[in-house]
Amino acid sequence: MDDVNTLIRSGWIRRILVIFQRGVAMRRIMIASIVSAAITVVFAGRPSPGYANPASVWVANLDVVNASSAAGGCTIPHNCDLTTTADRAALLSSFGTLQTQSGGRVEQEPTGFVGTPPAGFTYVLVQTDGSLTQLRLNGRGLTCTPACDALTTTTPNATDHFVAYKITDTGSHHVGDMLVATAMQDAVTLDSATIVIVGPSVGGIAEQPDVAALPARTSSGGDPMAYTLGGAALALVAVIGAGSWYVRRKRPA
């Protein structure tokens, strides 16, 4: 008993307990370092998500298209069908110019109107990056064929990777309203140029405000680099903690 009291007074038991506690802490730090390093390796080696995405969006008025010189190359010259691969191929290099000439105009007709608008139908033409995953178009209140309600999916054409949306009604919009249609595929979106609602045609020319097209915008969900940087940061913190403990451990008690 006296020997035990002597050991307690000498501080050896206290020192043993401190060493044991530090050993437990060290093991925990080492485990955390190993786990963090493993996370870093896993995510660093993870391939970037292969998102499919819409590559281009054009807004073109069919009457403007048919009046262009490019329309001479359509299956029926100057009577193009934007839903066919052959006519889209003939017009593809001119879509940018045709969009500018069209001005994004969509004609609003009186209630009950049936048939082709005097100023012609306007199309939203979406070309994807080549993937055939489902495509959606948010027409923000417009009515289209196929549907552009942001919910209905359409498979791009397997040959030229297009979906041609024909705007058939302006929905709840009013003359002068401006909007963009947004193509959505997987985690990527792409906006069209500005679409403007114009009044009924007078003498074949739609009444319209002067509108400059806005450039398309893209957005993507998630950045895979964040996974790698996050894992590396965790590993770095754990290693620094382990090193600090080791330095303190080497100091005389």
Protein backbone atom coordinates (compact mmCIF):
# COMPACT_ATOMS: atom_id res chain seq x y z
CA MET A 1 0.00 0.00 0.00
CA ASP A 2 2.85 2.32 0.81
CA ASP A 3 4.36 1.53 -2.56
CA VAL A 4 1.12 2.50 -4.32
CA ASN A 5 0.98 5.79 -2.39
CA THR A 6 4.57 6.44 -3.32
CA LEU A 7 3.82 5.88 -7.03
CA ILE A 8 0.81 8.20 -6.87
CA ARG A 9 2.85 10.92 -5.14
CA SER A 10 5.65 10.52 -7.67
CA GLY A 11 3.27 11.27 -10.53
CA TRP A 12 4.03 8.13 -12.53
CA ILE A 13 0.43 6.97 -12.66
CA ARG A 14 -0.66 10.46 -13.71
CA ARG A 15 1.92 10.41 -16.47
CA ILE A 16 0.83 6.96 -17.64
CA LEU A 17 -2.78 8.13 -17.82
CA VAL A 18 -1.80 11.24 -19.78
CA ILE A 19 0.24 9.15 -22.22
CA PHE A 20 -2.66 6.73 -22.61
CA GLN A 21 -5.10 9.56 -23.26
CA ARG A 22 -2.73 11.12 -25.80
CA GLY A 23 -2.36 7.73 -27.45
CA VAL A 24 -6.13 7.47 -27.84
CA ALA A 25 -6.25 10.98 -29.29
CA MET A 26 -3.41 10.15 -31.66
CA ARG A 27 -5.19 7.06 -32.88
CA ARG A 28 -8.31 9.10 -33.53
CA ILE A 29 -6.32 11.69 -35.48
CA MET A 30 -4.62 8.99 -37.51
CA ILE A 31 -7.95 7.35 -38.32
CA ALA A 32 -9.40 10.71 -39.38
CA SER A 33 -6.35 11.34 -41.59
CA ILE A 34 -6.69 7.96 -43.27
CA VAL A 35 -10.42 8.44 -43.87
CA SER A 36 -9.90 11.95 -45.27
CA ALA A 37 -7.12 10.76 -47.55
CA ALA A 38 -9.32 7.93 -48.80
CA ILE A 39 -12.14 10.37 -49.54
CA THR A 40 -9.72 12.57 -51.49
CA VAL A 41 -8.47 9.65 -53.57
CA VAL A 42 -11.99 8.44 -54.34
CA PHE A 43 -13.31 11.81 -55.46
CA ALA A 44 -10.12 12.82 -57.26
CA GLY A 45 -10.34 9.70 -59.35
CA ARG A 46 -14.03 10.15 -60.01
CA PRO A 47 -14.69 11.06 -63.67
CA SER A 48 -16.45 14.34 -64.42
CA PRO A 49 -20.22 13.95 -64.83
CA GLY A 50 -21.02 13.44 -68.51
CA TYR A 51 -23.98 15.75 -68.71
CA ALA A 52 -25.86 15.90 -71.99
CA ASN A 53 -26.70 19.44 -72.97
CA PRO A 54 -28.45 21.60 -75.53
CA ALA A 55 -25.78 23.12 -77.77
CA SER A 56 -27.74 25.81 -79.63
CA VAL A 57 -31.17 27.42 -79.58
CA TRP A 58 -32.55 29.50 -82.44
CA VAL A 59 -35.86 31.37 -82.76
CA ALA A 60 -36.91 31.69 -86.41
CA ASN A 61 -40.06 32.78 -88.20
CA LEU A 62 -41.01 30.40 -91.00
CA ASP A 63 -42.10 33.17 -93.40
CA VAL A 64 -38.74 34.88 -92.92
CA VAL A 65 -37.01 31.54 -93.53
CA ASN A 66 -38.98 30.89 -96.74
CA ALA A 67 -38.20 34.37 -98.07
CA SER A 68 -34.45 33.87 -97.65
CA SER A 69 -32.00 32.74 -100.29
CA ALA A 70 -31.04 29.82 -98.03
CA ALA A 71 -34.56 28.45 -98.43
CA GLY A 72 -33.78 27.71 -102.06
CA GLY A 73 -31.97 24.61 -100.85
CA CYS A 74 -35.02 23.13 -99.08
CA THR A 75 -36.71 20.01 -100.42
CA ILE A 76 -39.41 22.28 -101.82
CA PRO A 77 -37.56 25.54 -102.54
CA HIS A 78 -38.82 28.44 -100.42
CA ASN A 79 -41.39 26.20 -98.75
CA CYS A 80 -39.26 24.75 -95.96
CA ASP A 81 -40.35 22.29 -93.32
CA LEU A 82 -38.34 22.89 -90.15
CA THR A 83 -39.43 19.55 -88.72
CA THR A 84 -37.45 17.59 -91.34
CA THR A 85 -33.75 16.79 -91.17
CA ALA A 86 -33.23 17.54 -94.88
CA ASP A 87 -34.53 21.10 -94.70
CA ARG A 88 -32.76 21.80 -91.39
CA ALA A 89 -29.51 20.63 -92.98
CA ALA A 90 -30.01 23.07 -95.86
CA LEU A 91 -30.64 25.94 -93.43
CA LEU A 92 -28.28 25.09 -90.59
CA SER A 93 -25.48 27.48 -91.52
CA SER A 94 -28.02 30.30 -91.90
CA PHE A 95 -29.98 29.85 -88.66
CA GLY A 96 -28.08 32.65 -86.91
CA THR A 97 -28.87 35.13 -89.68
CA LEU A 98 -32.48 33.95 -89.96
CA GLN A 99 -32.93 34.39 -86.22
CA THR A 100 -31.69 37.99 -86.42
CA GLN A 101 -34.00 38.72 -89.35
CA SER A 102 -36.94 37.14 -87.54
CA GLY A 103 -36.44 39.40 -84.52
CA GLY A 104 -37.94 36.82 -82.15
CA ARG A 105 -41.48 37.90 -83.08
CA VAL A 106 -44.47 35.74 -82.19
CA GLU A 107 -47.79 37.04 -83.45
CA GLN A 108 -50.76 37.12 -81.09
CA GLU A 109 -54.04 36.44 -82.86
CA PRO A 110 -57.60 37.32 -81.75
CA THR A 111 -59.43 34.83 -79.52
CA GLY A 112 -60.83 31.98 -81.56
CA PHE A 113 -58.38 32.40 -84.44
CA VAL A 114 -57.64 29.15 -86.25
CA GLY A 115 -55.05 28.58 -88.94
CA THR A 116 -51.68 29.99 -89.90
CA PRO A 117 -50.91 33.47 -88.52
CA PRO A 118 -50.60 36.04 -91.32
CA ALA A 119 -47.00 36.70 -90.22
CA GLY A 120 -46.25 32.96 -90.15
CA PHE A 121 -45.40 30.51 -87.39
CA THR A 122 -42.33 30.98 -85.24
CA TYR A 123 -40.19 28.02 -84.23
CA VAL A 124 -37.80 27.42 -81.37
CA LEU A 125 -35.11 25.15 -82.78
CA VAL A 126 -32.99 23.29 -80.22
CA GLN A 127 -29.90 21.32 -81.20
CA THR A 128 -28.25 19.11 -78.58
CA ASP A 129 -24.63 18.03 -78.21
CA GLY A 130 -25.42 14.71 -79.88
CA SER A 131 -26.87 12.83 -76.92
CA LEU A 132 -30.36 11.43 -77.19
CA THR A 133 -31.45 11.89 -73.59
CA GLN A 134 -34.79 13.55 -73.07
CA LEU A 135 -35.09 17.27 -73.80
CA ARG A 136 -37.56 19.74 -72.27
CA LEU A 137 -38.41 23.29 -73.24
CA ASN A 138 -39.74 25.91 -70.85
CA GLY A 139 -41.78 28.23 -73.08
CA ARG A 140 -42.84 30.32 -70.08
CA GLY A 141 -46.53 30.27 -70.93
CA LEU A 142 -46.32 29.76 -74.69
CA THR A 143 -48.08 26.83 -76.33
CA CYS A 144 -45.98 24.71 -78.66
CA THR A 145 -45.93 21.50 -80.67
CA PRO A 146 -44.37 19.42 -79.17
CA ALA A 147 -45.27 20.80 -75.75
CA CYS A 148 -42.98 23.46 -74.25
CA ASP A 149 -44.41 23.36 -70.73
CA ALA A 150 -41.04 22.57 -69.04
CA LEU A 151 -42.39 19.15 -68.06
CA THR A 152 -43.03 17.24 -71.28
CA THR A 153 -39.93 15.48 -72.61
CA THR A 154 -39.02 14.96 -76.26
CA THR A 155 -36.26 12.80 -77.73
CA PRO A 156 -33.96 14.70 -80.13
CA ASN A 157 -33.82 13.50 -83.72
CA ALA A 158 -31.26 10.70 -83.97
CA THR A 159 -29.73 12.13 -87.18
CA ASP A 160 -29.21 15.85 -86.56
CA HIS A 161 -30.03 15.97 -82.82
CA PHE A 162 -32.72 18.65 -83.23
CA VAL A 163 -36.12 19.24 -81.73
CA ALA A 164 -38.23 21.80 -83.60
CA TYR A 165 -40.86 23.43 -81.36
CA LYS A 166 -43.59 25.25 -83.28
CA ILE A 167 -45.19 28.06 -81.25
CA THR A 168 -48.93 27.73 -81.80
CA ASP A 169 -50.30 30.20 -79.22
CA THR A 170 -49.06 33.03 -77.04
CA GLY A 171 -50.96 31.69 -74.01
CA SER A 172 -51.36 34.18 -71.20
CA HIS A 173 -48.96 36.72 -72.70
CA HIS A 174 -49.90 40.15 -74.03
CA VAL A 175 -48.61 42.27 -76.87
CA GLY A 176 -45.25 43.73 -75.90
CA ASP A 177 -44.31 40.93 -73.51
CA MET A 178 -40.73 39.69 -73.82
CA LEU A 179 -39.39 36.36 -72.64
CA VAL A 180 -36.86 33.64 -73.34
CA ALA A 181 -37.49 29.95 -73.85
CA THR A 182 -35.16 27.64 -71.93
CA ALA A 183 -34.02 24.28 -73.26
CA MET A 184 -33.22 21.74 -70.53
CA GLN A 185 -31.36 18.46 -70.87
CA ASP A 186 -29.97 16.57 -67.88
CA ALA A 187 -28.35 19.18 -65.61
CA VAL A 188 -27.76 21.85 -68.28
CA THR A 189 -30.00 24.69 -69.48
CA LEU A 190 -29.69 27.06 -72.42
CA ASP A 191 -31.80 30.17 -73.03
CA SER A 192 -33.04 31.32 -76.40
CA ALA A 193 -32.71 34.83 -77.74
CA THR A 194 -35.48 37.23 -76.76
CA ILE A 195 -38.99 36.34 -77.90
CA VAL A 196 -41.41 39.26 -78.19
CA ILE A 197 -45.19 39.07 -78.49
CA VAL A 198 -46.43 41.29 -81.32
CA GLY A 199 -49.89 42.37 -82.42
CA PRO A 200 -51.89 40.98 -85.33
CA SER A 201 -50.42 41.57 -88.76
CA VAL A 202 -51.44 44.56 -90.83
CA GLY A 203 -50.91 43.94 -94.52
CA GLY A 204 -48.85 40.90 -93.73
CA ILE A 205 -46.45 42.75 -91.42
CA ALA A 206 -46.86 42.21 -87.68
CA GLU A 207 -47.00 45.31 -85.50
CA GLN A 208 -44.09 45.08 -83.14
CA PRO A 209 -41.81 46.95 -80.76
CA ASP A 210 -38.14 47.27 -81.63
CA VAL A 211 -36.35 44.53 -79.70
CA ALA A 212 -32.69 43.50 -79.69
CA ALA A 213 -32.06 39.81 -79.15
CA LEU A 214 -30.37 38.84 -75.90
CA PRO A 215 -27.50 36.34 -76.06
CA ALA A 216 -28.11 32.78 -74.97
CA ARG A 217 -27.04 31.82 -71.46
CA THR A 218 -25.94 28.46 -70.15
CA SER A 219 -25.79 27.00 -66.68
CA SER A 220 -24.65 23.68 -65.35
CA GLY A 221 -25.43 21.85 -62.16
CA GLY A 222 -22.49 20.98 -59.94
CA ASP A 223 -18.74 21.34 -60.35
CA PRO A 224 -16.86 18.04 -59.93
CA MET A 225 -13.68 19.93 -58.93
CA ALA A 226 -15.41 20.90 -55.70
CA TYR A 227 -15.42 17.26 -54.62
CA THR A 228 -11.65 17.00 -55.05
CA LEU A 229 -10.86 20.28 -53.32
CA GLY A 230 -13.18 19.46 -50.43
CA GLY A 231 -11.56 16.07 -49.83
CA ALA A 232 -8.06 17.55 -50.07
CA ALA A 233 -8.93 20.25 -47.54
CA LEU A 234 -10.18 17.65 -45.06
CA ALA A 235 -7.03 15.58 -45.44
CA LEU A 236 -4.82 18.67 -45.00
CA VAL A 237 -6.56 19.68 -41.77
CA ALA A 238 -6.22 16.16 -40.36
CA VAL A 239 -2.51 15.93 -41.24
CA ILE A 240 -1.78 19.35 -39.69
CA GLY A 241 -3.58 18.27 -36.52
CA ALA A 242 -1.58 15.05 -36.31
CA GLY A 243 1.69 16.93 -36.85
CA SER A 244 0.88 19.45 -34.13
CA TRP A 245 0.14 16.69 -31.63
CA TYR A 246 3.39 14.94 -32.52
CA VAL A 247 5.40 18.11 -31.88
CA ARG A 248 3.73 18.57 -28.50
CA ARG A 249 4.31 14.90 -27.70
CA LYS A 250 8.04 15.25 -28.30
CA ARG A 251 8.38 18.09 -25.84
CA PRO A 252 9.59 17.09 -22.35
CA ALA A 253 6.72 16.59 -19.91
